[in-house]
Protein backbone atom coordinates (compact mmCIF):
# COMPACT_ATOMS: atom_id res chain seq x y z
CA MET A 1 2.53 25.87 -18.33
CA THR A 2 2.90 24.06 -21.70
CA TYR A 3 6.77 23.09 -21.02
CA ARG A 4 5.53 21.48 -17.75
CA LEU A 5 3.31 19.39 -19.65
CA VAL A 6 5.83 18.58 -22.02
CA LEU A 7 8.30 17.98 -19.40
CA ILE A 8 6.07 15.60 -17.73
CA ALA A 9 5.24 13.63 -20.48
CA LEU A 10 8.91 13.13 -21.56
CA LEU A 11 9.89 12.05 -17.77
CA LEU A 12 6.85 9.66 -18.05
CA SER A 13 8.29 8.07 -20.93
CA MET A 14 11.77 7.68 -19.87
CA PRO A 15 13.20 4.34 -18.66
CA LEU A 16 12.75 3.94 -14.79
CA ALA A 17 16.51 4.16 -13.97
CA THR A 18 16.55 7.52 -15.65
CA ARG A 19 13.03 8.64 -14.37
CA ALA A 20 14.21 7.75 -10.73
CA GLN A 21 17.16 10.07 -10.70
CA THR A 22 14.83 13.05 -12.10
CA THR A 23 11.20 12.86 -10.81
CA MET A 24 10.03 13.26 -7.44
CA LEU A 25 7.22 11.31 -6.52
CA TYR A 26 4.85 12.01 -3.64
CA GLY A 27 2.39 9.95 -1.53
CA VAL A 28 2.14 6.18 -1.06
CA GLY A 29 3.76 5.50 -4.30
CA THR A 30 7.28 5.72 -2.60
CA GLU A 31 6.48 2.82 -0.20
CA SER A 32 7.94 -0.67 -0.85
CA CYS A 33 6.19 -3.52 -2.47
CA GLY A 34 6.47 -5.09 0.64
CA ALA A 35 4.14 -2.79 2.42
CA TRP A 36 1.83 -3.16 -0.79
CA LEU A 37 1.80 -7.11 -0.12
CA LYS A 38 1.35 -6.46 3.67
CA TYR A 39 -1.75 -4.31 3.18
CA ARG A 40 -3.11 -6.76 0.27
CA GLN A 41 -2.70 -9.80 2.66
CA ALA A 42 -4.32 -8.06 5.60
CA LYS A 43 -7.40 -7.06 3.30
CA SER A 44 -6.91 -3.74 4.99
CA TRP A 45 -8.63 -0.67 4.10
CA GLU A 46 -5.37 0.96 3.47
CA ILE A 47 -4.74 -0.95 0.31
CA GLN A 48 -7.48 0.93 -1.46
CA VAL A 49 -5.40 4.19 -0.66
CA ARG A 50 -2.51 2.61 -2.70
CA GLU A 51 -4.81 1.21 -5.15
CA SER A 52 -6.13 4.78 -5.82
CA TRP A 53 -2.45 5.89 -6.06
CA VAL A 54 -1.75 3.51 -8.77
CA ASN A 55 -4.89 4.56 -10.62
CA GLY A 56 -4.05 8.07 -10.20
CA PHE A 57 -0.76 7.58 -11.52
CA LEU A 58 -1.92 5.76 -14.62
CA SER A 59 -4.83 8.31 -15.15
CA ALA A 60 -1.78 10.94 -15.24
CA TYR A 61 0.02 8.82 -17.65
CA ASN A 62 -3.50 8.69 -19.89
CA ALA A 63 -3.39 12.69 -19.52
CA LEU A 64 0.12 13.48 -19.90
CA GLY A 65 1.88 10.84 -21.52
CA PRO A 66 3.01 10.27 -24.94
CA ASN A 67 -0.61 9.03 -26.21
CA ARG A 68 -2.37 11.77 -24.41
CA ASN A 69 -6.12 11.35 -24.11
CA GLY A 70 -5.51 7.69 -24.59
CA ASP A 71 -6.28 4.87 -22.04
CA ILE A 72 -3.07 2.76 -21.07
CA GLY A 73 -5.29 0.38 -19.44
CA GLN A 74 -7.72 -0.18 -22.02
CA GLY A 75 -8.78 -3.99 -21.88
CA ILE A 76 -7.35 -4.64 -18.35
CA ASP A 77 -9.81 -3.93 -15.55
CA HIS A 78 -9.06 -2.86 -11.98
CA THR A 79 -8.73 -6.51 -10.83
CA ARG A 80 -6.13 -7.48 -13.24
CA ARG A 81 -4.10 -4.08 -12.87
CA MET A 82 -3.88 -4.88 -8.97
CA ALA A 83 -3.08 -8.61 -9.61
CA TRP A 84 -0.35 -7.46 -12.07
CA ILE A 85 1.07 -5.12 -9.27
CA ASP A 86 0.59 -8.00 -6.87
CA SER A 87 2.92 -10.14 -9.00
CA TYR A 88 5.48 -7.56 -9.48
CA CYS A 89 5.60 -7.01 -6.05
CA GLN A 90 6.02 -10.53 -4.93
CA SER A 91 9.15 -10.78 -7.46
CA HIS A 92 10.46 -7.08 -6.29
CA PRO A 93 9.43 -6.92 -2.69
CA SER A 94 12.15 -4.08 -2.05
CA ALA A 95 11.06 -1.90 -4.79
CA ASP A 96 8.53 0.94 -4.60
CA ILE A 97 4.85 1.20 -5.56
CA ALA A 98 5.92 3.92 -8.09
CA SER A 99 8.52 1.43 -9.81
CA ALA A 100 5.67 -1.38 -10.19
CA THR A 101 3.07 1.04 -11.64
CA THR A 102 5.97 2.30 -14.11
CA ALA A 103 6.59 -1.36 -15.17
CA LEU A 104 2.98 -2.17 -15.54
CA ILE A 105 2.83 0.99 -17.85
CA ALA A 106 5.67 -0.43 -19.91
CA ASP A 107 4.14 -3.77 -20.12
CA LEU A 108 0.89 -2.43 -21.23
CA ARG A 109 2.65 -0.31 -23.75
CA HIS A 110 3.99 -3.54 -25.17
CA ARG A 111 0.41 -4.97 -25.52
C-alpha cells in the first residue's frame, strides 16, 4: 500500500505532459474545459458535480502530494478557485478539467 501512495505522490508532482501519459483519470475531470464553461454559463446544477471533482482532486493532492497533510488551497476560497478554473478554461477550451486543475495546483505551489 505504501508504494501506491508514493507512486501517486510522484505522479501528482510530475509536469502535466508526463502525467498525461502515465495517469488514468476518472470521472468528469476528463471532460473538456468547453463543457465546464457551458455548464457555468447555464448556471446548471451539473457544474456542482464538476466543482466537486476539482475539490476532490485538490483534496487528493493535499493528502498524497509532496506536502502531504497540507493545504494547497490555503488563502484561496472556493469562489476564487473556480474563477481560476474559469479563466484557464476560457484560454484553453479544448483542454480537460484535470489539466485545468493541475495548472491551478502548479500556480498555487508557486505562491
